[in-house]
Amino acid sequence: QLRLVESGGGLVQTGGSLRLSCAASGFRLGEHTIGWFRQAPGKERTEVSCISRSGSRTIDADSTKGRFTISRDNTQNTVYLQMNSLKPEDTAVYYCAARARLLPLISCDPTAFTSWGQGTQVTVSS
């Protein structure tokens, strides 16, 4: 059974940085396209950044491009999201999710991802 656990969230001031981790257990992370998504209170879940199985390709949301960087270490079964220059509008619960095994990175649409973690809260104070 695929299990994803996010960590690294917290409270940070505007302009600060956080690094989120998504650790996988029960499966080989390298066989799955992975994405980071976020959901603010009262809003829909939206894409942040997605990464191909090898890590050679990424798709990034316009709102976070240039500030957030997704990466992965398949030897550690972990995907990361480095978040810099954080803004209050980045406040949300952040989730990582996996596509089914061996499916490629085609889009960063949340509906294409089938296994989800429980999320980690990121709060950016102004």
PDB file of N, CA and C in Angstrom:
ATOM      1  N   GLN A   1       0.841  -1.180   0.000  1.00  0.00           N
ATOM      2  CA  GLN A   1       0.000   0.000   0.000  1.00  0.00           C
ATOM      3  C   GLN A   1       0.884   1.240   0.000  1.00  0.00           C
ATOM      4  N   LEU A   2       0.573   2.176  -0.920  1.00  0.00           N
ATOM      5  CA  LEU A   2       1.348   3.391  -1.001  1.00  0.00           C
ATOM      6  C   LEU A   2       1.078   4.277   0.202  1.00  0.00           C
ATOM      7  N   ARG A   3       2.145   4.745   0.852  1.00  0.00           N
ATOM      8  CA  ARG A   3       2.006   5.653   1.973  1.00  0.00           C
ATOM      9  C   ARG A   3       2.965   6.812   1.794  1.00  0.00           C
ATOM     10  N   LEU A   4       2.422   8.020   1.881  1.00  0.00           N
ATOM     11  CA  LEU A   4       3.201   9.237   1.751  1.00  0.00           C
ATOM     12  C   LEU A   4       3.042  10.064   3.018  1.00  0.00           C
ATOM     13  N   VAL A   5       4.145  10.571   3.545  1.00  0.00           N
ATOM     14  CA  VAL A   5       4.114  11.372   4.762  1.00  0.00           C
ATOM     15  C   VAL A   5       4.861  12.672   4.523  1.00  0.00           C
ATOM     16  N   GLU A   6       4.144  13.789   4.673  1.00  0.00           N
ATOM     17  CA  GLU A   6       4.748  15.104   4.512  1.00  0.00           C
ATOM     18  C   GLU A   6       5.286  15.615   5.844  1.00  0.00           C
ATOM     19  N   SER A   7       6.342  16.399   5.770  1.00  0.00           N
ATOM     20  CA  SER A   7       6.888  17.041   6.956  1.00  0.00           C
ATOM     21  C   SER A   7       7.583  18.331   6.544  1.00  0.00           C
ATOM     22  N   GLY A   8       7.899  19.155   7.544  1.00  0.00           N
ATOM     23  CA  GLY A   8       8.648  20.374   7.272  1.00  0.00           C
ATOM     24  C   GLY A   8       7.828  21.648   7.288  1.00  0.00           C
ATOM     25  N   GLY A   9       6.533  21.529   7.450  1.00  0.00           N
ATOM     26  CA  GLY A   9       5.698  22.714   7.509  1.00  0.00           C
ATOM     27  C   GLY A   9       5.907  23.474   8.809  1.00  0.00           C
ATOM     28  N   GLY A  10       5.304  24.663   8.887  1.00  0.00           N
ATOM     29  CA  GLY A  10       5.421  25.455  10.097  1.00  0.00           C
ATOM     30  C   GLY A  10       5.039  26.889   9.862  1.00  0.00           C
ATOM     31  N   LEU A  11       5.387  27.726  10.819  1.00  0.00           N
ATOM     32  CA  LEU A  11       5.101  29.169  10.763  1.00  0.00           C
ATOM     33  C   LEU A  11       6.375  29.913  10.386  1.00  0.00           C
ATOM     34  N   VAL A  12       6.267  30.782   9.394  1.00  0.00           N
ATOM     35  CA  VAL A  12       7.429  31.533   8.941  1.00  0.00           C
ATOM     36  C   VAL A  12       6.974  32.942   8.572  1.00  0.00           C
ATOM     37  N   GLN A  13       7.886  33.884   8.663  1.00  0.00           N
ATOM     38  CA  GLN A  13       7.565  35.261   8.294  1.00  0.00           C
ATOM     39  C   GLN A  13       7.671  35.460   6.785  1.00  0.00           C
ATOM     40  N   THR A  14       7.014  36.490   6.299  1.00  0.00           N
ATOM     41  CA  THR A  14       7.104  36.837   4.879  1.00  0.00           C
ATOM     42  C   THR A  14       8.570  36.977   4.468  1.00  0.00           C
ATOM     43  N   GLY A  15       8.895  36.370   3.354  1.00  0.00           N
ATOM     44  CA  GLY A  15      10.265  36.385   2.855  1.00  0.00           C
ATOM     45  C   GLY A  15      11.110  35.232   3.322  1.00  0.00           C
ATOM     46  N   GLY A  16      10.587  34.458   4.246  1.00  0.00           N
ATOM     47  CA  GLY A  16      11.326  33.328   4.782  1.00  0.00           C
ATOM     48  C   GLY A  16      11.289  32.110   3.875  1.00  0.00           C
ATOM     49  N   SER A  17      11.894  31.032   4.366  1.00  0.00           N
ATOM     50  CA  SER A  17      12.001  29.792   3.585  1.00  0.00           C
ATOM     51  C   SER A  17      11.605  28.592   4.428  1.00  0.00           C
ATOM     52  N   LEU A  18      11.110  27.588   3.738  1.00  0.00           N
ATOM     53  CA  LEU A  18      10.830  26.289   4.339  1.00  0.00           C
ATOM     54  C   LEU A  18      11.173  25.217   3.319  1.00  0.00           C
ATOM     55  N   ARG A  19      11.499  24.053   3.829  1.00  0.00           N
ATOM     56  CA  ARG A  19      11.735  22.904   2.949  1.00  0.00           C
ATOM     57  C   ARG A  19      10.821  21.780   3.393  1.00  0.00           C
ATOM     58  N   LEU A  20       9.919  21.410   2.519  1.00  0.00           N
ATOM     59  CA  LEU A  20       9.007  20.314   2.794  1.00  0.00           C
ATOM     60  C   LEU A  20       9.595  19.011   2.272  1.00  0.00           C
ATOM     61  N   SER A  21       9.294  17.929   2.980  1.00  0.00           N
ATOM     62  CA  SER A  21       9.708  16.599   2.554  1.00  0.00           C
ATOM     63  C   SER A  21       8.488  15.709   2.412  1.00  0.00           C
ATOM     64  N   CYS A  22       8.562  14.819   1.464  1.00  0.00           N
ATOM     65  CA  CYS A  22       7.514  13.823   1.234  1.00  0.00           C
ATOM     66  C   CYS A  22       8.210  12.470   1.220  1.00  0.00           C
ATOM     67  N   ALA A  23       8.023  11.719   2.289  1.00  0.00           N
ATOM     68  CA  ALA A  23       8.675  10.426   2.411  1.00  0.00           C
ATOM     69  C   ALA A  23       7.698   9.324   2.038  1.00  0.00           C
ATOM     70  N   ALA A  24       8.193   8.379   1.255  1.00  0.00           N
ATOM     71  CA  ALA A  24       7.361   7.268   0.802  1.00  0.00           C
ATOM     72  C   ALA A  24       7.737   5.987   1.526  1.00  0.00           C
ATOM     73  N   SER A  25       6.746   5.183   1.802  1.00  0.00           N
ATOM     74  CA  SER A  25       7.004   3.865   2.374  1.00  0.00           C
ATOM     75  C   SER A  25       6.075   2.864   1.716  1.00  0.00           C
ATOM     76  N   GLY A  26       6.561   1.644   1.622  1.00  0.00           N
ATOM     77  CA  GLY A  26       5.738   0.595   1.049  1.00  0.00           C
ATOM     78  C   GLY A  26       5.830   0.481  -0.458  1.00  0.00           C
ATOM     79  N   PHE A  27       6.610   1.360  -1.081  1.00  0.00           N
ATOM     80  CA  PHE A  27       6.759   1.283  -2.526  1.00  0.00           C
ATOM     81  C   PHE A  27       8.015   2.041  -2.940  1.00  0.00           C
ATOM     82  N   ARG A  28       8.436   1.837  -4.172  1.00  0.00           N
ATOM     83  CA  ARG A  28       9.607   2.536  -4.709  1.00  0.00           C
ATOM     84  C   ARG A  28       9.178   3.871  -5.289  1.00  0.00           C
ATOM     85  N   LEU A  29       9.590   4.930  -4.647  1.00  0.00           N
ATOM     86  CA  LEU A  29       9.177   6.262  -5.077  1.00  0.00           C
ATOM     87  C   LEU A  29       9.602   6.539  -6.506  1.00  0.00           C
ATOM     88  N   GLY A  30      10.731   5.985  -6.921  1.00  0.00           N
ATOM     89  CA  GLY A  30      11.247   6.234  -8.264  1.00  0.00           C
ATOM     90  C   GLY A  30      10.360   5.714  -9.378  1.00  0.00           C
ATOM     91  N   GLU A  31       9.365   4.921  -9.053  1.00  0.00           N
ATOM     92  CA  GLU A  31       8.451   4.393 -10.061  1.00  0.00           C
ATOM     93  C   GLU A  31       7.212   5.264 -10.217  1.00  0.00           C
ATOM     94  N   HIS A  32       7.199   6.412  -9.520  1.00  0.00           N
ATOM     95  CA  HIS A  32       5.990   7.231  -9.506  1.00  0.00           C
ATOM     96  C   HIS A  32       6.277   8.700  -9.787  1.00  0.00           C
ATOM     97  N   THR A  33       5.457   9.279 -10.645  1.00  0.00           N
ATOM     98  CA  THR A  33       5.425  10.729 -10.775  1.00  0.00           C
ATOM     99  C   THR A  33       4.833  11.304  -9.488  1.00  0.00           C
ATOM    100  N   ILE A  34       5.445  12.366  -8.978  1.00  0.00           N
ATOM    101  CA  ILE A  34       5.041  12.943  -7.695  1.00  0.00           C
ATOM    102  C   ILE A  34       4.701  14.420  -7.873  1.00  0.00           C
ATOM    103  N   GLY A  35       3.723  14.865  -7.125  1.00  0.00           N
ATOM    104  CA  GLY A  35       3.361  16.271  -7.160  1.00  0.00           C
ATOM    105  C   GLY A  35       3.173  16.842  -5.768  1.00  0.00           C
ATOM    106  N   TRP A  36       3.370  18.145  -5.692  1.00  0.00           N
ATOM    107  CA  TRP A  36       3.025  18.912  -4.495  1.00  0.00           C
ATOM    108  C   TRP A  36       1.808  19.771  -4.829  1.00  0.00           C
ATOM    109  N   PHE A  37       0.868  19.820  -3.906  1.00  0.00           N
ATOM    110  CA  PHE A  37      -0.357  20.573  -4.075  1.00  0.00           C
ATOM    111  C   PHE A  37      -0.648  21.323  -2.779  1.00  0.00           C
ATOM    112  N   ARG A  38      -1.530  22.286  -2.855  1.00  0.00           N
ATOM    113  CA  ARG A  38      -1.871  23.007  -1.630  1.00  0.00           C
ATOM    114  C   ARG A  38      -3.343  23.385  -1.638  1.00  0.00           C
ATOM    115  N   GLN A  39      -3.856  23.551  -0.438  1.00  0.00           N
ATOM    116  CA  GLN A  39      -5.254  23.932  -0.280  1.00  0.00           C
ATOM    117  C   GLN A  39      -5.368  24.940   0.850  1.00  0.00           C
ATOM    118  N   ALA A  40      -5.795  26.133   0.504  1.00  0.00           N
ATOM    119  CA  ALA A  40      -6.038  27.174   1.490  1.00  0.00           C
ATOM    120  C   ALA A  40      -7.476  27.056   1.996  1.00  0.00           C
ATOM    121  N   PRO A  41      -7.764  27.590   3.180  1.00  0.00           N
ATOM    122  CA  PRO A  41      -9.125  27.496   3.730  1.00  0.00           C
ATOM    123  C   PRO A  41     -10.160  28.076   2.770  1.00  0.00           C
ATOM    124  N   GLY A  42     -11.201  27.294   2.520  1.00  0.00           N
ATOM    125  CA  GLY A  42     -12.282  27.755   1.668  1.00  0.00           C
ATOM    126  C   GLY A  42     -11.983  27.741   0.187  1.00  0.00           C
ATOM    127  N   LYS A  43     -10.836  27.202  -0.188  1.00  0.00           N
ATOM    128  CA  LYS A  43     -10.454  27.179  -1.602  1.00  0.00           C
ATOM    129  C   LYS A  43     -10.206  25.758  -2.073  1.00  0.00           C
ATOM    130  N   GLU A  44     -10.171  25.591  -3.396  1.00  0.00           N
ATOM    131  CA  GLU A  44      -9.906  24.282  -3.967  1.00  0.00           C
ATOM    132  C   GLU A  44      -8.426  23.929  -3.849  1.00  0.00           C
ATOM    133  N   ARG A  45      -8.159  22.628  -3.924  1.00  0.00           N
ATOM    134  CA  ARG A  45      -6.783  22.161  -3.942  1.00  0.00           C
ATOM    135  C   ARG A  45      -6.186  22.474  -5.309  1.00  0.00           C
ATOM    136  N   THR A  46      -4.996  23.073  -5.331  1.00  0.00           N
ATOM    137  CA  THR A  46      -4.352  23.471  -6.581  1.00  0.00           C
ATOM    138  C   THR A  46      -2.930  22.918  -6.662  1.00  0.00           C
ATOM    139  N   GLU A  47      -2.428  22.861  -7.875  1.00  0.00           N
ATOM    140  CA  GLU A  47      -1.084  22.342  -8.079  1.00  0.00           C
ATOM    141  C   GLU A  47      -0.033  23.371  -7.668  1.00  0.00           C
ATOM    142  N   VAL A  48       1.082  22.869  -7.179  1.00  0.00           N
ATOM    143  CA  VAL A  48       2.237  23.697  -6.869  1.00  0.00           C
ATOM    144  C   VAL A  48       3.380  23.326  -7.820  1.00  0.00           C
ATOM    145  N   SER A  49       3.746  22.054  -7.818  1.00  0.00           N
ATOM    146  CA  SER A  49       4.847  21.605  -8.662  1.00  0.00           C
ATOM    147  C   SER A  49       4.813  20.090  -8.750  1.00  0.00           C
ATOM    148  N   CYS A  50       5.177  19.564  -9.916  1.00  0.00           N
ATOM    149  CA  CYS A  50       5.201  18.130 -10.128  1.00  0.00           C
ATOM    150  C   CYS A  50       6.517  17.727 -10.771  1.00  0.00           C
ATOM    151  N   ILE A  51       6.919  16.479 -10.538  1.00  0.00           N
ATOM    152  CA  ILE A  51       8.234  16.038 -11.007  1.00  0.00           C
ATOM    153  C   ILE A  51       8.124  14.633 -11.590  1.00  0.00           C
ATOM    154  N   SER A  52       8.852  14.415 -12.671  1.00  0.00           N
ATOM    155  CA  SER A  52       8.839  13.111 -13.316  1.00  0.00           C
ATOM    156  C   SER A  52       9.566  12.073 -12.473  1.00  0.00           C
ATOM    157  N   ARG A  53       9.450  10.829 -12.864  1.00  0.00           N
ATOM    158  CA  ARG A  53      10.017   9.747 -12.077  1.00  0.00           C
ATOM    159  C   ARG A  53      11.523   9.859 -11.931  1.00  0.00           C
ATOM    160  N   SER A  54      12.187  10.271 -12.985  1.00  0.00           N
ATOM    161  CA  SER A  54      13.652  10.405 -12.920  1.00  0.00           C
ATOM    162  C   SER A  54      14.095  11.725 -12.317  1.00  0.00           C
ATOM    163  N   GLY A  55      13.183  12.688 -12.269  1.00  0.00           N
ATOM    164  CA  GLY A  55      13.530  14.024 -11.797  1.00  0.00           C
ATOM    165  C   GLY A  55      14.001  14.951 -12.897  1.00  0.00           C
ATOM    166  N   SER A  56      13.988  14.483 -14.140  1.00  0.00           N
ATOM    167  CA  SER A  56      14.513  15.289 -15.234  1.00  0.00           C
ATOM    168  C   SER A  56      13.539  16.363 -15.714  1.00  0.00           C
ATOM    169  N   ARG A  57      12.253  16.192 -15.405  1.00  0.00           N
ATOM    170  CA  ARG A  57      11.236  17.164 -15.837  1.00  0.00           C
ATOM    171  C   ARG A  57      10.394  17.596 -14.667  1.00  0.00           C
ATOM    172  N   THR A  58      10.035  18.874 -14.688  1.00  0.00           N
ATOM    173  CA  THR A  58       9.117  19.407 -13.690  1.00  0.00           C
ATOM    174  C   THR A  58       8.077  20.281 -14.366  1.00  0.00           C
ATOM    175  N   ILE A  59       6.959  20.424 -13.713  1.00  0.00           N
ATOM    176  CA  ILE A  59       5.916  21.381 -14.114  1.00  0.00           C
ATOM    177  C   ILE A  59       5.626  22.218 -12.883  1.00  0.00           C
ATOM    178  N   ASP A  60       5.713  23.530 -13.032  1.00  0.00           N
ATOM    179  CA  ASP A  60       5.557  24.427 -11.893  1.00  0.00           C
ATOM    180  C   ASP A  60       4.413  25.401 -12.122  1.00  0.00           C
ATOM    181  N   ALA A  61       3.674  25.669 -11.067  1.00  0.00           N
ATOM    182  CA  ALA A  61       2.597  26.648 -11.151  1.00  0.00           C
ATOM    183  C   ALA A  61       3.175  28.044 -11.342  1.00  0.00           C
ATOM    184  N   ASP A  62       2.478  28.872 -12.099  1.00  0.00           N
ATOM    185  CA  ASP A  62       2.960  30.230 -12.337  1.00  0.00           C
ATOM    186  C   ASP A  62       3.127  31.016 -11.042  1.00  0.00           C
ATOM    187  N   SER A  63       2.251  30.757 -10.068  1.00  0.00           N
ATOM    188  CA  SER A  63       2.269  31.530  -8.824  1.00  0.00           C
ATOM    189  C   SER A  63       3.503  31.261  -7.971  1.00  0.00           C
ATOM    190  N   THR A  64       4.166  30.133  -8.214  1.00  0.00           N
ATOM    191  CA  THR A  64       5.321  29.787  -7.386  1.00  0.00           C
ATOM    192  C   THR A  64       6.609  29.654  -8.195  1.00  0.00           C
ATOM    193  N   LYS A  65       6.509  29.827  -9.504  1.00  0.00           N
ATOM    194  CA  LYS A  65       7.684  29.673 -10.351  1.00  0.00           C
ATOM    195  C   LYS A  65       8.751  30.693  -9.957  1.00  0.00           C
ATOM    196  N   GLY A  66       9.978  30.207  -9.841  1.00  0.00           N
ATOM    197  CA  GLY A  66      11.079  31.071  -9.444  1.00  0.00           C
ATOM    198  C   GLY A  66      11.273  31.189  -7.953  1.00  0.00           C
ATOM    199  N   ARG A  67      10.274  30.752  -7.182  1.00  0.00           N
ATOM    200  CA  ARG A  67      10.396  30.792  -5.719  1.00  0.00           C
ATOM    201  C   ARG A  67      10.453  29.395  -5.119  1.00  0.00           C
ATOM    202  N   PHE A  68       9.721  28.470  -5.689  1.00  0.00           N
ATOM    203  CA  PHE A  68       9.665  27.092  -5.190  1.00  0.00           C
ATOM    204  C   PHE A  68      10.410  26.170  -6.144  1.00  0.00           C
ATOM    205  N   THR A  69      11.072  25.163  -5.573  1.00  0.00           N
ATOM    206  CA  THR A  69      11.789  24.187  -6.386  1.00  0.00           C
ATOM    207  C   THR A  69      11.488  22.782  -5.883  1.00  0.00           C
ATOM    208  N   ILE A  70      11.011  21.950  -6.791  1.00  0.00           N
ATOM    209  CA  ILE A  70      10.773  20.547  -6.453  1.00  0.00           C
ATOM    210  C   ILE A  70      11.991  19.731  -6.847  1.00  0.00           C
ATOM    211  N   SER A  71      12.303  18.734  -6.033  1.00  0.00           N
ATOM    212  CA  SER A  71      13.413  17.830  -6.345  1.00  0.00           C
ATOM    213  C   SER A  71      13.117  16.481  -5.716  1.00  0.00           C
ATOM    214  N   ARG A  72      13.913  15.497  -6.092  1.00  0.00           N
ATOM    215  CA  ARG A  72      13.690  14.181  -5.512  1.00  0.00           C
ATOM    216  C   ARG A  72      15.009  13.444  -5.357  1.00  0.00           C
ATOM    217  N   ASP A  73      15.028  12.563  -4.377  1.00  0.00           N
ATOM    218  CA  ASP A  73      16.156  11.658  -4.158  1.00  0.00           C
ATOM    219  C   ASP A  73      15.564  10.263  -4.070  1.00  0.00           C
ATOM    220  N   ASN A  74      15.593   9.566  -5.176  1.00  0.00           N
ATOM    221  CA  ASN A  74      14.962   8.239  -5.210  1.00  0.00           C
ATOM    222  C   ASN A  74      15.694   7.240  -4.330  1.00  0.00           C
ATOM    223  N   THR A  75      16.965   7.467  -4.063  1.00  0.00           N
ATOM    224  CA  THR A  75      17.703   6.561  -3.181  1.00  0.00           C
ATOM    225  C   THR A  75      17.215   6.695  -1.737  1.00  0.00           C
ATOM    226  N   GLN A  76      16.681   7.882  -1.415  1.00  0.00           N
ATOM    227  CA  GLN A  76      16.135   8.129  -0.076  1.00  0.00           C
ATOM    228  C   GLN A  76      14.613   8.015  -0.047  1.00  0.00           C
ATOM    229  N   ASN A  77      14.038   7.689  -1.212  1.00  0.00           N
ATOM    230  CA  ASN A  77      12.575   7.546  -1.300  1.00  0.00           C
ATOM    231  C   ASN A  77      11.855   8.818  -0.836  1.00  0.00           C
ATOM    232  N   THR A  78      12.400   9.969  -1.209  1.00  0.00           N
ATOM    233  CA  THR A  78      11.878  11.239  -0.723  1.00  0.00           C
ATOM    234  C   THR A  78      11.832  12.280  -1.843  1.00  0.00           C
ATOM    235  N   VAL A  79      10.780  13.089  -1.819  1.00  0.00           N
ATOM    236  CA  VAL A  79      10.643  14.243  -2.710  1.00  0.00           C
ATOM    237  C   VAL A  79      10.609  15.491  -1.836  1.00  0.00           C
ATOM    238  N   TYR A  80      11.223  16.556  -2.326  1.00  0.00           N
ATOM    239  CA  TYR A  80      11.335  17.785  -1.551  1.00  0.00           C
ATOM    240  C   TYR A  80      10.650  18.945  -2.266  1.00  0.00           C
ATOM    241  N   LEU A  81      10.273  19.934  -1.483  1.00  0.00           N
ATOM    242  CA  LEU A  81       9.801  21.201  -2.037  1.00  0.00           C
ATOM    243  C   LEU A  81      10.495  22.314  -1.258  1.00  0.00           C
ATOM    244  N   GLN A  82      11.455  22.948  -1.920  1.00  0.00           N
ATOM    245  CA  GLN A  82      12.142  24.090  -1.318  1.00  0.00           C
ATOM    246  C   GLN A  82      11.337  25.339  -1.632  1.00  0.00           C
ATOM    247  N   MET A  83      10.925  26.046  -0.587  1.00  0.00           N
ATOM    248  CA  MET A  83      10.084  27.225  -0.757  1.00  0.00           C
ATOM    249  C   MET A  83      10.830  28.446  -0.230  1.00  0.00           C
ATOM    250  N   ASN A  84      11.102  29.367  -1.117  1.00  0.00           N
ATOM    251  CA  ASN A  84      11.800  30.606  -0.761  1.00  0.00           C
ATOM    252  C   ASN A  84      10.900  31.800  -1.008  1.00  0.00           C
ATOM    253  N   SER A  85      11.273  32.931  -0.441  1.00  0.00           N
ATOM    254  CA  SER A  85      10.525  34.184  -0.630  1.00  0.00           C
ATOM    255  C   SER A  85       9.038  33.977  -0.375  1.00  0.00           C
ATOM    256  N   LEU A  86       8.727  33.354   0.725  1.00  0.00           N
ATOM    257  CA  LEU A  86       7.332  33.015   1.031  1.00  0.00           C
ATOM    258  C   LEU A  86       6.492  34.259   1.251  1.00  0.00           C
ATOM    259  N   LYS A  87       5.233  34.152   0.843  1.00  0.00           N
ATOM    260  CA  LYS A  87       4.272  35.240   0.949  1.00  0.00           C
ATOM    261  C   LYS A  87       3.062  34.768   1.761  1.00  0.00           C
ATOM    262  N   PRO A  88       2.321  35.691   2.343  1.00  0.00           N
ATOM    263  CA  PRO A  88       1.120  35.284   3.094  1.00  0.00           C
ATOM    264  C   PRO A  88       0.154  34.453   2.249  1.00  0.00           C
ATOM    265  N   GLU A  89       0.071  34.717   0.968  1.00  0.00           N
ATOM    266  CA  GLU A  89      -0.841  33.958   0.108  1.00  0.00           C
ATOM    267  C   GLU A  89      -0.366  32.519  -0.137  1.00  0.00           C
ATOM    268  N   ASP A  90       0.824  32.175   0.328  1.00  0.00           N
ATOM    269  CA  ASP A  90       1.290  30.791   0.250  1.00  0.00           C
ATOM    270  C   ASP A  90       0.763  29.956   1.419  1.00  0.00           C
ATOM    271  N   THR A  91       0.104  30.599   2.367  1.00  0.00           N
ATOM    272  CA  THR A  91      -0.446  29.879   3.507  1.00  0.00           C
ATOM    273  C   THR A  91      -1.478  28.857   3.055  1.00  0.00           C
ATOM    274  N   ALA A  92      -1.273  27.612   3.451  1.00  0.00           N
ATOM    275  CA  ALA A  92      -2.151  26.524   3.025  1.00  0.00           C
ATOM    276  C   ALA A  92      -1.676  25.233   3.673  1.00  0.00           C
ATOM    277  N   VAL A  93      -2.486  24.197   3.533  1.00  0.00           N
ATOM    278  CA  VAL A  93      -2.028  22.840   3.812  1.00  0.00           C
ATOM    279  C   VAL A  93      -1.402  22.311   2.526  1.00  0.00           C
ATOM    280  N   TYR A  94      -0.196  21.796   2.640  1.00  0.00           N
ATOM    281  CA  TYR A  94       0.540  21.287   1.487  1.00  0.00           C
ATOM    282  C   TYR A  94       0.515  19.757   1.511  1.00  0.00           C
ATOM    283  N   TYR A  95       0.178  19.202   0.355  1.00  0.00           N
ATOM    284  CA  TYR A  95       0.073  17.762   0.201  1.00  0.00           C
ATOM    285  C   TYR A  95       1.035  17.277  -0.876  1.00  0.00           C
ATOM    286  N   CYS A  96       1.583  16.085  -0.682  1.00  0.00           N
ATOM    287  CA  CYS A  96       2.245  15.425  -1.793  1.00  0.00           C
ATOM    288  C   CYS A  96       1.366  14.254  -2.237  1.00  0.00           C
ATOM    289  N   ALA A  97       1.502  13.904  -3.493  1.00  0.00           N
ATOM    290  CA  ALA A  97       0.671  12.858  -4.060  1.00  0.00           C
ATOM    291  C   ALA A  97       1.443  12.133  -5.154  1.00  0.00           C
ATOM    292  N   ALA A  98       1.041  10.901  -5.408  1.00  0.00           N
ATOM    293  CA  ALA A  98       1.705  10.065  -6.413  1.00  0.00           C
ATOM    294  C   ALA A  98       0.722   9.638  -7.488  1.00  0.00           C
ATOM    295  N   ARG A  99       1.203   9.602  -8.726  1.00  0.00           N
ATOM    296  CA  ARG A  99       0.429   8.978  -9.784  1.00  0.00           C
ATOM    297  C   ARG A  99       0.607   7.464  -9.662  1.00  0.00           C
ATOM    298  N   ALA A 100      -0.251   6.728 -10.311  1.00  0.00           N
ATOM    299  CA  ALA A 100      -0.113   5.276 -10.324  1.00  0.00           C
ATOM    300  C   ALA A 100       1.246   4.887 -10.918  1.00  0.00           C
ATOM    301  N   ARG A 101       1.699   3.711 -10.562  1.00  0.00           N
ATOM    302  CA  ARG A 101       3.040   3.240 -10.927  1.00  0.00           C
ATOM    303  C   ARG A 101       3.314   3.351 -12.421  1.00  0.00           C
ATOM    304  N   LEU A 102       4.463   3.972 -12.757  1.00  0.00           N
ATOM    305  CA  LEU A 102       5.036   4.088 -14.106  1.00  0.00           C
ATOM    306  C   LEU A 102       4.285   5.054 -15.021  1.00  0.00           C
ATOM    307  N   LEU A 103       3.242   5.704 -14.538  1.00  0.00           N
ATOM    308  CA  LEU A 103       2.569   6.698 -15.384  1.00  0.00           C
ATOM    309  C   LEU A 103       3.454   7.937 -15.485  1.00  0.00           C
ATOM    310  N   PRO A 104       3.559   8.521 -16.674  1.00  0.00           N
ATOM    311  CA  PRO A 104       4.485   9.644 -16.864  1.00  0.00           C
ATOM    312  C   PRO A 104       3.937  10.963 -16.347  1.00  0.00           C
ATOM    313  N   LEU A 105       4.802  11.966 -16.321  1.00  0.00           N
ATOM    314  CA  LEU A 105       4.401  13.327 -15.998  1.00  0.00           C
ATOM    315  C   LEU A 105       3.828  13.956 -17.256  1.00  0.00           C
ATOM    316  N   ILE A 106       2.516  14.131 -17.282  1.00  0.00           N
ATOM    317  CA  ILE A 106       1.841  14.763 -18.418  1.00  0.00           C
ATOM    318  C   ILE A 106       1.329  16.139 -18.036  1.00  0.00           C
ATOM    319  N   SER A 107       0.770  16.205 -16.834  1.00  0.00           N
ATOM    320  CA  SER A 107       0.278  17.480 -16.324  1.00  0.00           C
ATOM    321  C   SER A 107       0.418  17.459 -14.816  1.00  0.00           C
ATOM    322  N   CYS A 108       0.107  18.598 -14.212  1.00  0.00           N
ATOM    323  CA  CYS A 108       0.152  18.699 -12.752  1.00  0.00           C
ATOM    324  C   CYS A 108      -1.268  18.874 -12.214  1.00  0.00           C
ATOM    325  N   ASP A 109      -2.217  18.288 -12.907  1.00  0.00           N
ATOM    326  CA  ASP A 109      -3.608  18.337 -12.488  1.00  0.00           C
ATOM    327  C   ASP A 109      -3.808  17.408 -11.297  1.00  0.00           C
ATOM    328  N   PRO A 110      -4.347  17.901 -10.184  1.00  0.00           N
ATOM    329  CA  PRO A 110      -4.526  17.033  -8.998  1.00  0.00           C
ATOM    330  C   PRO A 110      -5.350  15.778  -9.279  1.00  0.00           C
ATOM    331  N   THR A 111      -6.264  15.837 -10.237  1.00  0.00           N
ATOM    332  CA  THR A 111      -7.105  14.671 -10.510  1.00  0.00           C
ATOM    333  C   THR A 111      -6.326  13.520 -11.129  1.00  0.00           C
ATOM    334  N   ALA A 112      -5.116  13.769 -11.587  1.00  0.00           N
ATOM    335  CA  ALA A 112      -4.286  12.714 -12.180  1.00  0.00           C
ATOM    336  C   ALA A 112      -3.500  11.939 -11.135  1.00  0.00           C
ATOM    337  N   PHE A 113      -3.598  12.349  -9.872  1.00  0.00           N
ATOM    338  CA  PHE A 113      -2.827  11.740  -8.790  1.00  0.00           C
ATOM    339  C   PHE A 113      -3.773  10.975  -7.868  1.00  0.00           C
ATOM    340  N   THR A 114      -3.392   9.755  -7.518  1.00  0.00           N
ATOM    341  CA  THR A 114      -4.326   8.867  -6.849  1.00  0.00           C
ATOM    342  C   THR A 114      -3.978   8.526  -5.411  1.00  0.00           C
ATOM    343  N   SER A 115      -2.743   8.730  -4.992  1.00  0.00           N
ATOM    344  CA  SER A 115      -2.331   8.419  -3.623  1.00  0.00           C
ATOM    345  C   SER A 115      -1.847   9.701  -2.957  1.00  0.00           C
ATOM    346  N   TRP A 116      -2.429  10.014  -1.809  1.00  0.00           N
ATOM    347  CA  TRP A 116      -2.195  11.307  -1.166  1.00  0.00           C
ATOM    348  C   TRP A 116      -1.712  11.138   0.264  1.00  0.00           C
ATOM    349  N   GLY A 117      -0.838  12.065   0.684  1.00  0.00           N
ATOM    350  CA  GLY A 117      -0.457  12.143   2.075  1.00  0.00           C
ATOM    351  C   GLY A 117      -1.490  12.913   2.881  1.00  0.00           C
ATOM    352  N   GLN A 118      -1.221  13.071   4.163  1.00  0.00           N
ATOM    353  CA  GLN A 118      -2.161  13.744   5.064  1.00  0.00           C
ATOM    354  C   GLN A 118      -2.005  15.252   5.079  1.00  0.00           C
ATOM    355  N   GLY A 119      -0.888  15.745   4.565  1.00  0.00           N
ATOM    356  CA  GLY A 119      -0.676  17.181   4.480  1.00  0.00           C
ATOM    357  C   GLY A 119       0.123  17.749   5.636  1.00  0.00           C
ATOM    358  N   THR A 120       0.733  18.899   5.376  1.00  0.00           N
ATOM    359  CA  THR A 120       1.474  19.635   6.394  1.00  0.00           C
ATOM    360  C   THR A 120       1.122  21.115   6.266  1.00  0.00           C
ATOM    361  N   GLN A 121       0.878  21.762   7.396  1.00  0.00           N
ATOM    362  CA  GLN A 121       0.431  23.153   7.387  1.00  0.00           C
ATOM    363  C   GLN A 121       1.613  24.096   7.209  1.00  0.00           C
ATOM    364  N   VAL A 122       1.458  25.038   6.300  1.00  0.00           N
ATOM    365  CA  VAL A 122       2.421  26.122   6.113  1.00  0.00           C
ATOM    366  C   VAL A 122       1.686  27.434   6.352  1.00  0.00           C
ATOM    367  N   THR A 123       2.195  28.225   7.276  1.00  0.00           N
ATOM    368  CA  THR A 123       1.586  29.511   7.585  1.00  0.00           C
ATOM    369  C   THR A 123       2.647  30.591   7.441  1.00  0.00           C
ATOM    370  N   VAL A 124       2.346  31.598   6.624  1.00  0.00           N
ATOM    371  CA  VAL A 124       3.268  32.700   6.392  1.00  0.00           C
ATOM    372  C   VAL A 124       2.647  33.957   6.983  1.00  0.00           C
ATOM    373  N   SER A 125       3.314  34.527   7.954  1.00  0.00           N
ATOM    374  CA  SER A 125       2.795  35.721   8.613  1.00  0.00           C
ATOM    375  C   SER A 125       3.294  36.976   7.913  1.00  0.00           C
ATOM    376  N   SER A 126       2.453  37.993   7.929  1.00  0.00           N
ATOM    377  CA  SER A 126       2.813  39.248   7.254  1.00  0.00           C
ATOM    378  C   SER A 126       3.532  40.207   8.198  1.00  0.00           C
TER     379      SER A 126
END
